[in-house]
Amino acid sequence: MPVWEQVTLVIVMIAILFFFWPGAKKEMENSQQVENPDWKGALIPIGAVVLFVIVLIALVSG
């Protein structure tokens, strides 16, 4: 990868962090105030995606 692409990538990464950090910080503060987090609602879709990826890998590797 040429140097100019690496420099551009670093600039883009810094810009992403700069633009998204205030919102992420606010959401992290709000998540600590949640009384009853619904973990099952988040874990079921994540588990389904992981299972789907494992099935795809198994089908490709044959």
PDB file of N, CA and C in Angstrom:
ATOM      1  N   MET A   1       0.855  -1.178   0.000  1.00  0.00           N
ATOM      2  CA  MET A   1       0.000   0.000   0.000  1.00  0.00           C
ATOM      3  C   MET A   1       0.898   1.236   0.000  1.00  0.00           C
ATOM      4  N   PRO A   2       0.701   2.129  -0.958  1.00  0.00           N
ATOM      5  CA  PRO A   2       1.519   3.341  -1.007  1.00  0.00           C
ATOM      6  C   PRO A   2       1.325   4.219   0.237  1.00  0.00           C
ATOM      7  N   VAL A   3       2.313   5.060   0.456  1.00  0.00           N
ATOM      8  CA  VAL A   3       2.302   5.913   1.646  1.00  0.00           C
ATOM      9  C   VAL A   3       1.106   6.861   1.635  1.00  0.00           C
ATOM     10  N   TRP A   4       0.755   7.392   0.482  1.00  0.00           N
ATOM     11  CA  TRP A   4      -0.348   8.353   0.450  1.00  0.00           C
ATOM     12  C   TRP A   4      -1.671   7.682   0.831  1.00  0.00           C
ATOM     13  N   GLU A   5      -1.835   6.389   0.516  1.00  0.00           N
ATOM     14  CA  GLU A   5      -3.046   5.681   0.916  1.00  0.00           C
ATOM     15  C   GLU A   5      -3.068   5.454   2.430  1.00  0.00           C
ATOM     16  N   GLN A   6      -1.906   5.164   3.010  1.00  0.00           N
ATOM     17  CA  GLN A   6      -1.829   4.980   4.451  1.00  0.00           C
ATOM     18  C   GLN A   6      -2.139   6.281   5.187  1.00  0.00           C
ATOM     19  N   VAL A   7      -1.602   7.396   4.667  1.00  0.00           N
ATOM     20  CA  VAL A   7      -1.867   8.696   5.281  1.00  0.00           C
ATOM     21  C   VAL A   7      -3.350   9.035   5.174  1.00  0.00           C
ATOM     22  N   THR A   8      -3.950   8.787   4.019  1.00  0.00           N
ATOM     23  CA  THR A   8      -5.378   9.042   3.835  1.00  0.00           C
ATOM     24  C   THR A   8      -6.209   8.177   4.774  1.00  0.00           C
ATOM     25  N   LEU A   9      -5.826   6.936   4.942  1.00  0.00           N
ATOM     26  CA  LEU A   9      -6.544   6.040   5.841  1.00  0.00           C
ATOM     27  C   LEU A   9      -6.475   6.531   7.286  1.00  0.00           C
ATOM     28  N   VAL A  10      -5.319   6.986   7.715  1.00  0.00           N
ATOM     29  CA  VAL A  10      -5.180   7.516   9.074  1.00  0.00           C
ATOM     30  C   VAL A  10      -6.035   8.763   9.249  1.00  0.00           C
ATOM     31  N   ILE A  11      -6.058   9.641   8.258  1.00  0.00           N
ATOM     32  CA  ILE A  11      -6.869  10.862   8.343  1.00  0.00           C
ATOM     33  C   ILE A  11      -8.354  10.501   8.429  1.00  0.00           C
ATOM     34  N   VAL A  12      -8.791   9.533   7.646  1.00  0.00           N
ATOM     35  CA  VAL A  12     -10.194   9.113   7.683  1.00  0.00           C
ATOM     36  C   VAL A  12     -10.541   8.495   9.034  1.00  0.00           C
ATOM     37  N   MET A  13      -9.645   7.677   9.577  1.00  0.00           N
ATOM     38  CA  MET A  13      -9.893   7.068  10.881  1.00  0.00           C
ATOM     39  C   MET A  13     -10.001   8.124  11.980  1.00  0.00           C
ATOM     40  N   ILE A  14      -9.144   9.118  11.939  1.00  0.00           N
ATOM     41  CA  ILE A  14      -9.198  10.195  12.934  1.00  0.00           C
ATOM     42  C   ILE A  14     -10.487  10.991  12.775  1.00  0.00           C
ATOM     43  N   ALA A  15     -10.893  11.249  11.535  1.00  0.00           N
ATOM     44  CA  ALA A  15     -12.131  11.984  11.299  1.00  0.00           C
ATOM     45  C   ALA A  15     -13.338  11.206  11.814  1.00  0.00           C
ATOM     46  N   ILE A  16     -13.349   9.903  11.605  1.00  0.00           N
ATOM     47  CA  ILE A  16     -14.454   9.079  12.103  1.00  0.00           C
ATOM     48  C   ILE A  16     -14.508   9.141  13.624  1.00  0.00           C
ATOM     49  N   LEU A  17     -13.362   8.991  14.270  1.00  0.00           N
ATOM     50  CA  LEU A  17     -13.336   9.087  15.730  1.00  0.00           C
ATOM     51  C   LEU A  17     -13.794  10.458  16.203  1.00  0.00           C
ATOM     52  N   PHE A  18     -13.366  11.496  15.519  1.00  0.00           N
ATOM     53  CA  PHE A  18     -13.719  12.859  15.902  1.00  0.00           C
ATOM     54  C   PHE A  18     -15.224  13.096  15.791  1.00  0.00           C
ATOM     55  N   PHE A  19     -15.849  12.589  14.726  1.00  0.00           N
ATOM     56  CA  PHE A  19     -17.268  12.845  14.517  1.00  0.00           C
ATOM     57  C   PHE A  19     -18.175  11.969  15.383  1.00  0.00           C
ATOM     58  N   PHE A  20     -17.749  10.736  15.664  1.00  0.00           N
ATOM     59  CA  PHE A  20     -18.617   9.811  16.380  1.00  0.00           C
ATOM     60  C   PHE A  20     -18.366   9.761  17.876  1.00  0.00           C
ATOM     61  N   TRP A  21     -17.237  10.290  18.367  1.00  0.00           N
ATOM     62  CA  TRP A  21     -16.930  10.193  19.789  1.00  0.00           C
ATOM     63  C   TRP A  21     -17.949  10.888  20.688  1.00  0.00           C
ATOM     64  N   PRO A  22     -18.429  12.114  20.397  1.00  0.00           N
ATOM     65  CA  PRO A  22     -19.412  12.738  21.299  1.00  0.00           C
ATOM     66  C   PRO A  22     -20.692  11.917  21.444  1.00  0.00           C
ATOM     67  N   GLY A  23     -21.197  11.391  20.370  1.00  0.00           N
ATOM     68  CA  GLY A  23     -22.410  10.578  20.436  1.00  0.00           C
ATOM     69  C   GLY A  23     -22.180   9.277  21.176  1.00  0.00           C
ATOM     70  N   ALA A  24     -21.028   8.647  20.950  1.00  0.00           N
ATOM     71  CA  ALA A  24     -20.724   7.400  21.647  1.00  0.00           C
ATOM     72  C   ALA A  24     -20.551   7.640  23.140  1.00  0.00           C
ATOM     73  N   LYS A  25     -19.929   8.742  23.485  1.00  0.00           N
ATOM     74  CA  LYS A  25     -19.743   9.068  24.902  1.00  0.00           C
ATOM     75  C   LYS A  25     -21.095   9.284  25.591  1.00  0.00           C
ATOM     76  N   LYS A  26     -21.992   9.994  24.921  1.00  0.00           N
ATOM     77  CA  LYS A  26     -23.324  10.246  25.469  1.00  0.00           C
ATOM     78  C   LYS A  26     -24.090   8.942  25.656  1.00  0.00           C
ATOM     79  N   GLU A  27     -24.019   8.048  24.678  1.00  0.00           N
ATOM     80  CA  GLU A  27     -24.731   6.772  24.771  1.00  0.00           C
ATOM     81  C   GLU A  27     -24.139   5.874  25.854  1.00  0.00           C
ATOM     82  N   MET A  28     -22.833   5.915  26.049  1.00  0.00           N
ATOM     83  CA  MET A  28     -22.237   5.127  27.129  1.00  0.00           C
ATOM     84  C   MET A  28     -22.705   5.631  28.487  1.00  0.00           C
ATOM     85  N   GLU A  29     -22.843   6.940  28.640  1.00  0.00           N
ATOM     86  CA  GLU A  29     -23.346   7.496  29.896  1.00  0.00           C
ATOM     87  C   GLU A  29     -24.807   7.110  30.114  1.00  0.00           C
ATOM     88  N   ASN A  30     -25.608   7.132  29.052  1.00  0.00           N
ATOM     89  CA  ASN A  30     -27.023   6.756  29.163  1.00  0.00           C
ATOM     90  C   ASN A  30     -27.196   5.264  29.434  1.00  0.00           C
ATOM     91  N   SER A  31     -26.299   4.439  28.919  1.00  0.00           N
ATOM     92  CA  SER A  31     -26.441   2.997  29.112  1.00  0.00           C
ATOM     93  C   SER A  31     -26.189   2.599  30.560  1.00  0.00           C
ATOM     94  N   GLN A  32     -25.450   3.394  31.300  1.00  0.00           N
ATOM     95  CA  GLN A  32     -25.205   3.087  32.704  1.00  0.00           C
ATOM     96  C   GLN A  32     -26.437   3.370  33.551  1.00  0.00           C
ATOM     97  N   GLN A  33     -27.366   4.154  33.056  1.00  0.00           N
ATOM     98  CA  GLN A  33     -28.555   4.528  33.808  1.00  0.00           C
ATOM     99  C   GLN A  33     -29.728   3.579  33.566  1.00  0.00           C
ATOM    100  N   VAL A  34     -29.562   2.614  32.706  1.00  0.00           N
ATOM    101  CA  VAL A  34     -30.641   1.684  32.390  1.00  0.00           C
ATOM    102  C   VAL A  34     -30.853   0.749  33.579  1.00  0.00           C
ATOM    103  N   GLU A  35     -32.110   0.605  33.988  1.00  0.00           N
ATOM    104  CA  GLU A  35     -32.409  -0.210  35.163  1.00  0.00           C
ATOM    105  C   GLU A  35     -32.470  -1.701  34.839  1.00  0.00           C
ATOM    106  N   ASN A  36     -33.150  -2.075  33.770  1.00  0.00           N
ATOM    107  CA  ASN A  36     -33.339  -3.482  33.447  1.00  0.00           C
ATOM    108  C   ASN A  36     -32.953  -3.718  31.982  1.00  0.00           C
ATOM    109  N   PRO A  37     -31.679  -3.946  31.725  1.00  0.00           N
ATOM    110  CA  PRO A  37     -31.290  -4.152  30.322  1.00  0.00           C
ATOM    111  C   PRO A  37     -31.830  -5.478  29.792  1.00  0.00           C
ATOM    112  N   ASP A  38     -32.289  -5.476  28.575  1.00  0.00           N
ATOM    113  CA  ASP A  38     -32.859  -6.672  27.957  1.00  0.00           C
ATOM    114  C   ASP A  38     -31.781  -7.359  27.130  1.00  0.00           C
ATOM    115  N   TRP A  39     -30.985  -8.206  27.797  1.00  0.00           N
ATOM    116  CA  TRP A  39     -29.867  -8.853  27.118  1.00  0.00           C
ATOM    117  C   TRP A  39     -30.340  -9.928  26.144  1.00  0.00           C
ATOM    118  N   LYS A  40     -31.441 -10.581  26.455  1.00  0.00           N
ATOM    119  CA  LYS A  40     -31.913 -11.631  25.553  1.00  0.00           C
ATOM    120  C   LYS A  40     -32.290 -11.054  24.189  1.00  0.00           C
ATOM    121  N   GLY A  41     -32.804  -9.854  24.199  1.00  0.00           N
ATOM    122  CA  GLY A  41     -33.177  -9.218  22.940  1.00  0.00           C
ATOM    123  C   GLY A  41     -31.978  -8.916  22.062  1.00  0.00           C
ATOM    124  N   ALA A  42     -30.826  -8.743  22.651  1.00  0.00           N
ATOM    125  CA  ALA A  42     -29.615  -8.476  21.876  1.00  0.00           C
ATOM    126  C   ALA A  42     -28.862  -9.764  21.552  1.00  0.00           C
ATOM    127  N   LEU A  43     -28.876 -10.718  22.470  1.00  0.00           N
ATOM    128  CA  LEU A  43     -28.092 -11.935  22.273  1.00  0.00           C
ATOM    129  C   LEU A  43     -28.686 -12.876  21.237  1.00  0.00           C
ATOM    130  N   ILE A  44     -29.990 -12.912  21.118  1.00  0.00           N
ATOM    131  CA  ILE A  44     -30.609 -13.822  20.143  1.00  0.00           C
ATOM    132  C   ILE A  44     -30.241 -13.447  18.705  1.00  0.00           C
ATOM    133  N   PRO A  45     -30.350 -12.179  18.280  1.00  0.00           N
ATOM    134  CA  PRO A  45     -29.923 -11.847  16.910  1.00  0.00           C
ATOM    135  C   PRO A  45     -28.426 -12.041  16.688  1.00  0.00           C
ATOM    136  N   ILE A  46     -27.614 -11.722  17.694  1.00  0.00           N
ATOM    137  CA  ILE A  46     -26.167 -11.901  17.545  1.00  0.00           C
ATOM    138  C   ILE A  46     -25.849 -13.390  17.405  1.00  0.00           C
ATOM    139  N   GLY A  47     -26.482 -14.216  18.221  1.00  0.00           N
ATOM    140  CA  GLY A  47     -26.278 -15.662  18.114  1.00  0.00           C
ATOM    141  C   GLY A  47     -26.717 -16.203  16.768  1.00  0.00           C
ATOM    142  N   ALA A  48     -27.811 -15.678  16.247  1.00  0.00           N
ATOM    143  CA  ALA A  48     -28.294 -16.120  14.932  1.00  0.00           C
ATOM    144  C   ALA A  48     -27.293 -15.760  13.840  1.00  0.00           C
ATOM    145  N   VAL A  49     -26.722 -14.595  13.922  1.00  0.00           N
ATOM    146  CA  VAL A  49     -25.731 -14.178  12.918  1.00  0.00           C
ATOM    147  C   VAL A  49     -24.482 -15.045  13.019  1.00  0.00           C
ATOM    148  N   VAL A  50     -24.019 -15.311  14.239  1.00  0.00           N
ATOM    149  CA  VAL A  50     -22.832 -16.155  14.424  1.00  0.00           C
ATOM    150  C   VAL A  50     -23.094 -17.550  13.871  1.00  0.00           C
ATOM    151  N   LEU A  51     -24.254 -18.114  14.169  1.00  0.00           N
ATOM    152  CA  LEU A  51     -24.609 -19.436  13.653  1.00  0.00           C
ATOM    153  C   LEU A  51     -24.674 -19.439  12.126  1.00  0.00           C
ATOM    154  N   PHE A  52     -25.231 -18.382  11.545  1.00  0.00           N
ATOM    155  CA  PHE A  52     -25.319 -18.270  10.091  1.00  0.00           C
ATOM    156  C   PHE A  52     -23.925 -18.227   9.465  1.00  0.00           C
ATOM    157  N   VAL A  53     -23.016 -17.465  10.074  1.00  0.00           N
ATOM    158  CA  VAL A  53     -21.638 -17.377   9.551  1.00  0.00           C
ATOM    159  C   VAL A  53     -20.950 -18.724   9.656  1.00  0.00           C
ATOM    160  N   ILE A  54     -21.154 -19.442  10.754  1.00  0.00           N
ATOM    161  CA  ILE A  54     -20.546 -20.771  10.908  1.00  0.00           C
ATOM    162  C   ILE A  54     -21.072 -21.726   9.845  1.00  0.00           C
ATOM    163  N   VAL A  55     -22.370 -21.656   9.566  1.00  0.00           N
ATOM    164  CA  VAL A  55     -22.940 -22.501   8.522  1.00  0.00           C
ATOM    165  C   VAL A  55     -22.361 -22.145   7.153  1.00  0.00           C
ATOM    166  N   LEU A  56     -22.220 -20.872   6.867  1.00  0.00           N
ATOM    167  CA  LEU A  56     -21.626 -20.463   5.596  1.00  0.00           C
ATOM    168  C   LEU A  56     -20.191 -20.947   5.460  1.00  0.00           C
ATOM    169  N   ILE A  57     -19.414 -20.845   6.532  1.00  0.00           N
ATOM    170  CA  ILE A  57     -18.027 -21.316   6.497  1.00  0.00           C
ATOM    171  C   ILE A  57     -17.990 -22.823   6.282  1.00  0.00           C
ATOM    172  N   ALA A  58     -18.891 -23.546   6.945  1.00  0.00           N
ATOM    173  CA  ALA A  58     -18.934 -24.997   6.779  1.00  0.00           C
ATOM    174  C   ALA A  58     -19.304 -25.376   5.345  1.00  0.00           C
ATOM    175  N   LEU A  59     -20.217 -24.633   4.748  1.00  0.00           N
ATOM    176  CA  LEU A  59     -20.608 -24.941   3.361  1.00  0.00           C
ATOM    177  C   LEU A  59     -19.484 -24.649   2.376  1.00  0.00           C
ATOM    178  N   VAL A  60     -18.741 -23.585   2.618  1.00  0.00           N
ATOM    179  CA  VAL A  60     -17.662 -23.223   1.691  1.00  0.00           C
ATOM    180  C   VAL A  60     -16.481 -24.177   1.827  1.00  0.00           C
ATOM    181  N   SER A  61     -16.148 -24.547   3.059  1.00  0.00           N
ATOM    182  CA  SER A  61     -14.973 -25.405   3.259  1.00  0.00           C
ATOM    183  C   SER A  61     -15.269 -26.855   2.880  1.00  0.00           C
ATOM    184  N   GLY A  62     -16.526 -27.199   2.772  1.00  0.00           N
ATOM    185  CA  GLY A  62     -16.978 -28.464   2.250  1.00  0.00           C
ATOM    186  C   GLY A  62     -16.557 -29.673   3.000  1.00  0.00           C
TER     187      GLY A  62
END
